[in-house]
Amino acid sequence: MKKIEGKKPGTTGVIKTWARASQIAPEMVGFTFGVHNGKDHIEVFVTEDMVGHRLGEFSLTRKFVKHGGKMQKEIETKAKEGEIAAAKSAKAATETKK
């Protein structure tokens, strides 16, 4: 709260903080906070829905690594190729109608 006293929400830049447990007050709405996640600061823009929550809830400390490995990658590439083929055929169909 000390860092935002007397400042306007639109004019200030990112306010860095390590206080993940601090509760978001209505006075904080409109400010952008750089909440530390243990490694670096993650920018969090505070909106009215966030009032009453903690700053740490919006700065995750763990990065999700998707599961699946080689087989999952093959499935995803086949799906992308199918989408590209469908888009090309739809585009060709619209061009022939002109």
N, C-alpha and C. Protein backbone atom coordinates (compact mmCIF):
# COMPACT_ATOMS: atom_id res chain seq x y z
N MET A 1 0.83 -1.19 0.00
CA MET A 1 0.00 0.00 0.00
C MET A 1 0.87 1.26 0.00
N LYS A 2 2.03 1.18 0.65
CA LYS A 2 2.91 2.35 0.70
C LYS A 2 3.41 2.71 -0.68
N LYS A 3 3.60 1.72 -1.53
CA LYS A 3 4.15 1.96 -2.86
C LYS A 3 3.16 2.64 -3.80
N ILE A 4 1.84 2.53 -3.54
CA ILE A 4 0.86 3.12 -4.45
C ILE A 4 0.22 4.39 -3.91
N GLU A 5 0.57 4.81 -2.70
CA GLU A 5 -0.01 6.02 -2.13
C GLU A 5 0.36 7.23 -2.97
N GLY A 6 -0.63 8.03 -3.35
CA GLY A 6 -0.39 9.25 -4.09
C GLY A 6 -0.09 9.07 -5.56
N LYS A 7 -0.22 7.86 -6.08
CA LYS A 7 0.06 7.61 -7.49
C LYS A 7 -1.23 7.30 -8.23
N LYS A 8 -1.24 7.61 -9.52
CA LYS A 8 -2.41 7.33 -10.34
C LYS A 8 -2.20 6.00 -11.06
N PRO A 9 -3.27 5.20 -11.24
CA PRO A 9 -3.13 3.87 -11.83
C PRO A 9 -2.54 3.85 -13.24
N GLY A 10 -2.90 4.79 -14.10
CA GLY A 10 -2.44 4.74 -15.48
C GLY A 10 -1.02 5.24 -15.69
N THR A 11 -0.53 6.11 -14.82
CA THR A 11 0.76 6.75 -15.06
C THR A 11 1.95 5.96 -14.55
N THR A 12 1.77 5.15 -13.53
CA THR A 12 2.90 4.40 -12.97
C THR A 12 3.18 3.16 -13.79
N GLY A 13 4.40 2.72 -13.76
CA GLY A 13 4.79 1.49 -14.46
C GLY A 13 4.50 0.29 -13.60
N VAL A 14 5.34 -0.72 -13.74
CA VAL A 14 5.19 -1.95 -12.97
C VAL A 14 5.75 -1.73 -11.57
N ILE A 15 4.98 -2.07 -10.56
CA ILE A 15 5.40 -1.94 -9.16
C ILE A 15 5.87 -3.32 -8.71
N LYS A 16 7.17 -3.47 -8.49
CA LYS A 16 7.71 -4.77 -8.09
C LYS A 16 7.40 -5.06 -6.62
N THR A 17 7.02 -6.30 -6.35
CA THR A 17 6.75 -6.70 -4.98
C THR A 17 7.11 -8.17 -4.77
N TRP A 18 7.54 -8.46 -3.56
CA TRP A 18 7.84 -9.83 -3.16
C TRP A 18 6.77 -10.33 -2.20
N ALA A 19 5.79 -9.49 -1.87
CA ALA A 19 4.75 -9.81 -0.90
C ALA A 19 3.61 -10.56 -1.59
N ARG A 20 3.78 -11.85 -1.79
CA ARG A 20 2.78 -12.67 -2.46
C ARG A 20 1.53 -12.86 -1.59
N ALA A 21 1.68 -12.76 -0.28
CA ALA A 21 0.57 -13.02 0.63
C ALA A 21 -0.29 -11.78 0.88
N SER A 22 0.08 -10.63 0.31
CA SER A 22 -0.70 -9.42 0.55
C SER A 22 -2.03 -9.49 -0.19
N GLN A 23 -3.07 -9.06 0.51
CA GLN A 23 -4.42 -9.12 -0.04
C GLN A 23 -4.67 -7.91 -0.93
N ILE A 24 -5.37 -8.12 -2.04
CA ILE A 24 -5.64 -7.04 -2.99
C ILE A 24 -6.79 -6.19 -2.45
N ALA A 25 -6.52 -4.89 -2.29
CA ALA A 25 -7.49 -3.94 -1.78
C ALA A 25 -8.12 -3.18 -2.95
N PRO A 26 -9.28 -2.55 -2.75
CA PRO A 26 -9.91 -1.78 -3.84
C PRO A 26 -9.04 -0.64 -4.35
N GLU A 27 -8.14 -0.13 -3.52
CA GLU A 27 -7.26 0.96 -3.95
C GLU A 27 -6.23 0.50 -4.97
N MET A 28 -5.99 -0.80 -5.07
CA MET A 28 -4.99 -1.35 -5.97
C MET A 28 -5.50 -1.55 -7.40
N VAL A 29 -6.80 -1.39 -7.62
CA VAL A 29 -7.39 -1.64 -8.94
C VAL A 29 -6.81 -0.66 -9.95
N GLY A 30 -6.36 -1.21 -11.07
CA GLY A 30 -5.81 -0.39 -12.15
C GLY A 30 -4.29 -0.37 -12.19
N PHE A 31 -3.65 -0.80 -11.13
CA PHE A 31 -2.19 -0.83 -11.08
C PHE A 31 -1.67 -2.15 -11.64
N THR A 32 -0.43 -2.13 -12.12
CA THR A 32 0.23 -3.34 -12.56
C THR A 32 1.34 -3.67 -11.59
N PHE A 33 1.28 -4.87 -11.02
CA PHE A 33 2.28 -5.29 -10.05
C PHE A 33 3.17 -6.36 -10.66
N GLY A 34 4.45 -6.30 -10.35
CA GLY A 34 5.38 -7.34 -10.72
C GLY A 34 5.53 -8.26 -9.52
N VAL A 35 4.79 -9.36 -9.50
CA VAL A 35 4.77 -10.26 -8.35
C VAL A 35 5.86 -11.32 -8.54
N HIS A 36 6.71 -11.45 -7.54
CA HIS A 36 7.84 -12.38 -7.62
C HIS A 36 7.35 -13.81 -7.45
N ASN A 37 7.82 -14.72 -8.32
CA ASN A 37 7.39 -16.11 -8.23
C ASN A 37 8.52 -17.03 -7.78
N GLY A 38 9.60 -16.45 -7.29
CA GLY A 38 10.73 -17.24 -6.85
C GLY A 38 11.90 -17.15 -7.81
N LYS A 39 11.62 -16.82 -9.04
CA LYS A 39 12.67 -16.71 -10.05
C LYS A 39 12.69 -15.32 -10.68
N ASP A 40 11.52 -14.84 -11.11
CA ASP A 40 11.43 -13.51 -11.71
C ASP A 40 10.08 -12.90 -11.38
N HIS A 41 9.87 -11.67 -11.82
CA HIS A 41 8.62 -10.96 -11.54
C HIS A 41 7.64 -11.16 -12.69
N ILE A 42 6.42 -11.56 -12.35
CA ILE A 42 5.37 -11.76 -13.34
C ILE A 42 4.40 -10.58 -13.23
N GLU A 43 4.12 -9.93 -14.37
CA GLU A 43 3.24 -8.76 -14.36
C GLU A 43 1.79 -9.19 -14.15
N VAL A 44 1.14 -8.54 -13.17
CA VAL A 44 -0.26 -8.82 -12.86
C VAL A 44 -1.01 -7.50 -12.87
N PHE A 45 -1.96 -7.36 -13.81
CA PHE A 45 -2.80 -6.16 -13.85
C PHE A 45 -4.02 -6.42 -12.98
N VAL A 46 -4.23 -5.57 -11.98
CA VAL A 46 -5.29 -5.78 -10.99
C VAL A 46 -6.61 -5.21 -11.51
N THR A 47 -7.66 -6.05 -11.51
CA THR A 47 -9.00 -5.62 -11.90
C THR A 47 -9.93 -5.74 -10.69
N GLU A 48 -11.18 -5.33 -10.87
CA GLU A 48 -12.14 -5.34 -9.76
C GLU A 48 -12.47 -6.75 -9.28
N ASP A 49 -12.37 -7.74 -10.19
CA ASP A 49 -12.70 -9.12 -9.80
C ASP A 49 -11.69 -9.68 -8.80
N MET A 50 -10.48 -9.14 -8.79
CA MET A 50 -9.40 -9.67 -7.97
C MET A 50 -9.43 -9.18 -6.52
N VAL A 51 -10.26 -8.22 -6.21
CA VAL A 51 -10.30 -7.65 -4.86
C VAL A 51 -10.66 -8.75 -3.87
N GLY A 52 -9.87 -8.87 -2.80
CA GLY A 52 -10.09 -9.89 -1.78
C GLY A 52 -9.19 -11.10 -1.96
N HIS A 53 -8.61 -11.26 -3.14
CA HIS A 53 -7.68 -12.37 -3.37
C HIS A 53 -6.27 -11.94 -2.98
N ARG A 54 -5.34 -12.87 -3.06
CA ARG A 54 -3.93 -12.59 -2.75
C ARG A 54 -3.15 -12.40 -4.04
N LEU A 55 -2.09 -11.59 -4.00
CA LEU A 55 -1.28 -11.36 -5.19
C LEU A 55 -0.63 -12.64 -5.70
N GLY A 56 -0.24 -13.53 -4.80
CA GLY A 56 0.43 -14.75 -5.18
C GLY A 56 -0.43 -15.71 -5.99
N GLU A 57 -1.76 -15.55 -5.93
CA GLU A 57 -2.65 -16.42 -6.68
C GLU A 57 -2.51 -16.21 -8.18
N PHE A 58 -2.05 -15.04 -8.59
CA PHE A 58 -1.98 -14.70 -10.00
C PHE A 58 -0.56 -14.79 -10.56
N SER A 59 0.39 -15.21 -9.74
CA SER A 59 1.77 -15.39 -10.17
C SER A 59 2.18 -16.82 -9.81
N LEU A 60 2.01 -17.74 -10.75
CA LEU A 60 2.26 -19.14 -10.48
C LEU A 60 3.74 -19.42 -10.29
N THR A 61 4.05 -20.34 -9.38
CA THR A 61 5.44 -20.65 -9.06
C THR A 61 5.96 -21.85 -9.82
N ARG A 62 5.08 -22.62 -10.41
CA ARG A 62 5.50 -23.81 -11.15
C ARG A 62 5.08 -23.69 -12.60
N LYS A 63 5.96 -24.15 -13.48
CA LYS A 63 5.67 -24.11 -14.90
C LYS A 63 5.18 -25.47 -15.34
N PHE A 64 4.05 -25.51 -16.02
CA PHE A 64 3.48 -26.78 -16.50
C PHE A 64 4.22 -27.21 -17.76
N VAL A 65 4.71 -28.43 -17.73
CA VAL A 65 5.33 -29.04 -18.90
C VAL A 65 4.38 -30.09 -19.39
N LYS A 66 3.97 -30.00 -20.65
CA LYS A 66 2.93 -30.91 -21.12
C LYS A 66 3.45 -32.33 -21.24
N HIS A 67 2.55 -33.26 -21.00
CA HIS A 67 2.89 -34.67 -20.99
C HIS A 67 2.74 -35.26 -22.37
N GLY A 68 3.30 -36.41 -22.59
CA GLY A 68 3.06 -37.12 -23.83
C GLY A 68 4.31 -37.53 -24.56
N GLY A 69 5.32 -36.70 -24.61
CA GLY A 69 6.56 -37.05 -25.27
C GLY A 69 6.43 -37.18 -26.77
N LYS A 70 7.10 -38.17 -27.33
CA LYS A 70 7.20 -38.35 -28.78
C LYS A 70 5.85 -38.70 -29.42
N MET A 71 5.10 -39.59 -28.80
CA MET A 71 3.81 -40.00 -29.37
C MET A 71 2.83 -38.83 -29.42
N GLN A 72 2.79 -38.05 -28.38
CA GLN A 72 1.88 -36.91 -28.33
C GLN A 72 2.25 -35.88 -29.39
N LYS A 73 3.54 -35.69 -29.62
CA LYS A 73 4.01 -34.73 -30.62
C LYS A 73 3.57 -35.16 -32.02
N GLU A 74 3.65 -36.46 -32.31
CA GLU A 74 3.21 -36.98 -33.61
C GLU A 74 1.72 -36.76 -33.80
N ILE A 75 0.95 -36.98 -32.76
CA ILE A 75 -0.50 -36.79 -32.84
C ILE A 75 -0.83 -35.33 -33.12
N GLU A 76 -0.13 -34.42 -32.44
CA GLU A 76 -0.37 -32.99 -32.63
C GLU A 76 0.01 -32.54 -34.04
N THR A 77 1.10 -33.03 -34.59
CA THR A 77 1.50 -32.63 -35.94
C THR A 77 0.50 -33.14 -36.97
N LYS A 78 -0.04 -34.35 -36.79
CA LYS A 78 -1.06 -34.87 -37.70
C LYS A 78 -2.32 -34.01 -37.63
N ALA A 79 -2.69 -33.59 -36.43
CA ALA A 79 -3.87 -32.75 -36.26
C ALA A 79 -3.66 -31.40 -36.95
N LYS A 80 -2.47 -30.80 -36.80
CA LYS A 80 -2.17 -29.53 -37.47
C LYS A 80 -2.22 -29.67 -38.98
N GLU A 81 -1.66 -30.76 -39.50
CA GLU A 81 -1.70 -30.99 -40.94
C GLU A 81 -3.13 -31.13 -41.44
N GLY A 82 -3.96 -31.79 -40.67
CA GLY A 82 -5.38 -31.93 -41.02
C GLY A 82 -6.08 -30.59 -41.05
N GLU A 83 -5.79 -29.73 -40.08
CA GLU A 83 -6.38 -28.39 -40.03
C GLU A 83 -5.94 -27.56 -41.22
N ILE A 84 -4.67 -27.64 -41.57
CA ILE A 84 -4.13 -26.88 -42.70
C ILE A 84 -4.78 -27.34 -44.00
N ALA A 85 -4.91 -28.65 -44.16
CA ALA A 85 -5.54 -29.19 -45.36
C ALA A 85 -7.00 -28.75 -45.46
N ALA A 86 -7.71 -28.75 -44.36
CA ALA A 86 -9.11 -28.33 -44.34
C ALA A 86 -9.23 -26.84 -44.69
N ALA A 87 -8.31 -26.04 -44.18
CA ALA A 87 -8.33 -24.61 -44.47
C ALA A 87 -8.04 -24.35 -45.94
N LYS A 88 -7.09 -25.09 -46.52
CA LYS A 88 -6.76 -24.92 -47.93
C LYS A 88 -7.93 -25.32 -48.82
N SER A 89 -8.59 -26.42 -48.47
CA SER A 89 -9.73 -26.86 -49.29
C SER A 89 -10.89 -25.87 -49.18
N ALA A 90 -11.11 -25.30 -48.01
CA ALA A 90 -12.17 -24.31 -47.84
C ALA A 90 -11.85 -23.05 -48.63
N LYS A 91 -10.60 -22.66 -48.63
CA LYS A 91 -10.18 -21.46 -49.37
C LYS A 91 -10.33 -21.70 -50.87
N ALA A 92 -9.95 -22.87 -51.33
CA ALA A 92 -10.07 -23.20 -52.75
C ALA A 92 -11.54 -23.23 -53.17
N ALA A 93 -12.40 -23.72 -52.31
CA ALA A 93 -13.83 -23.78 -52.62
C ALA A 93 -14.44 -22.40 -52.74
N THR A 94 -14.01 -21.47 -51.88
CA THR A 94 -14.53 -20.10 -51.96
C THR A 94 -14.00 -19.36 -53.19
N GLU A 95 -12.77 -19.67 -53.61
CA GLU A 95 -12.21 -19.01 -54.78
C GLU A 95 -12.87 -19.50 -56.07
N THR A 96 -13.26 -20.77 -56.12
CA THR A 96 -13.90 -21.29 -57.33
C THR A 96 -15.32 -20.77 -57.50
N LYS A 97 -15.97 -20.41 -56.41
CA LYS A 97 -17.34 -19.87 -56.47
C LYS A 97 -17.36 -18.45 -57.02
N LYS A 98 -16.25 -17.75 -56.91
CA LYS A 98 -16.18 -16.36 -57.40
C LYS A 98 -16.20 -16.39 -58.88
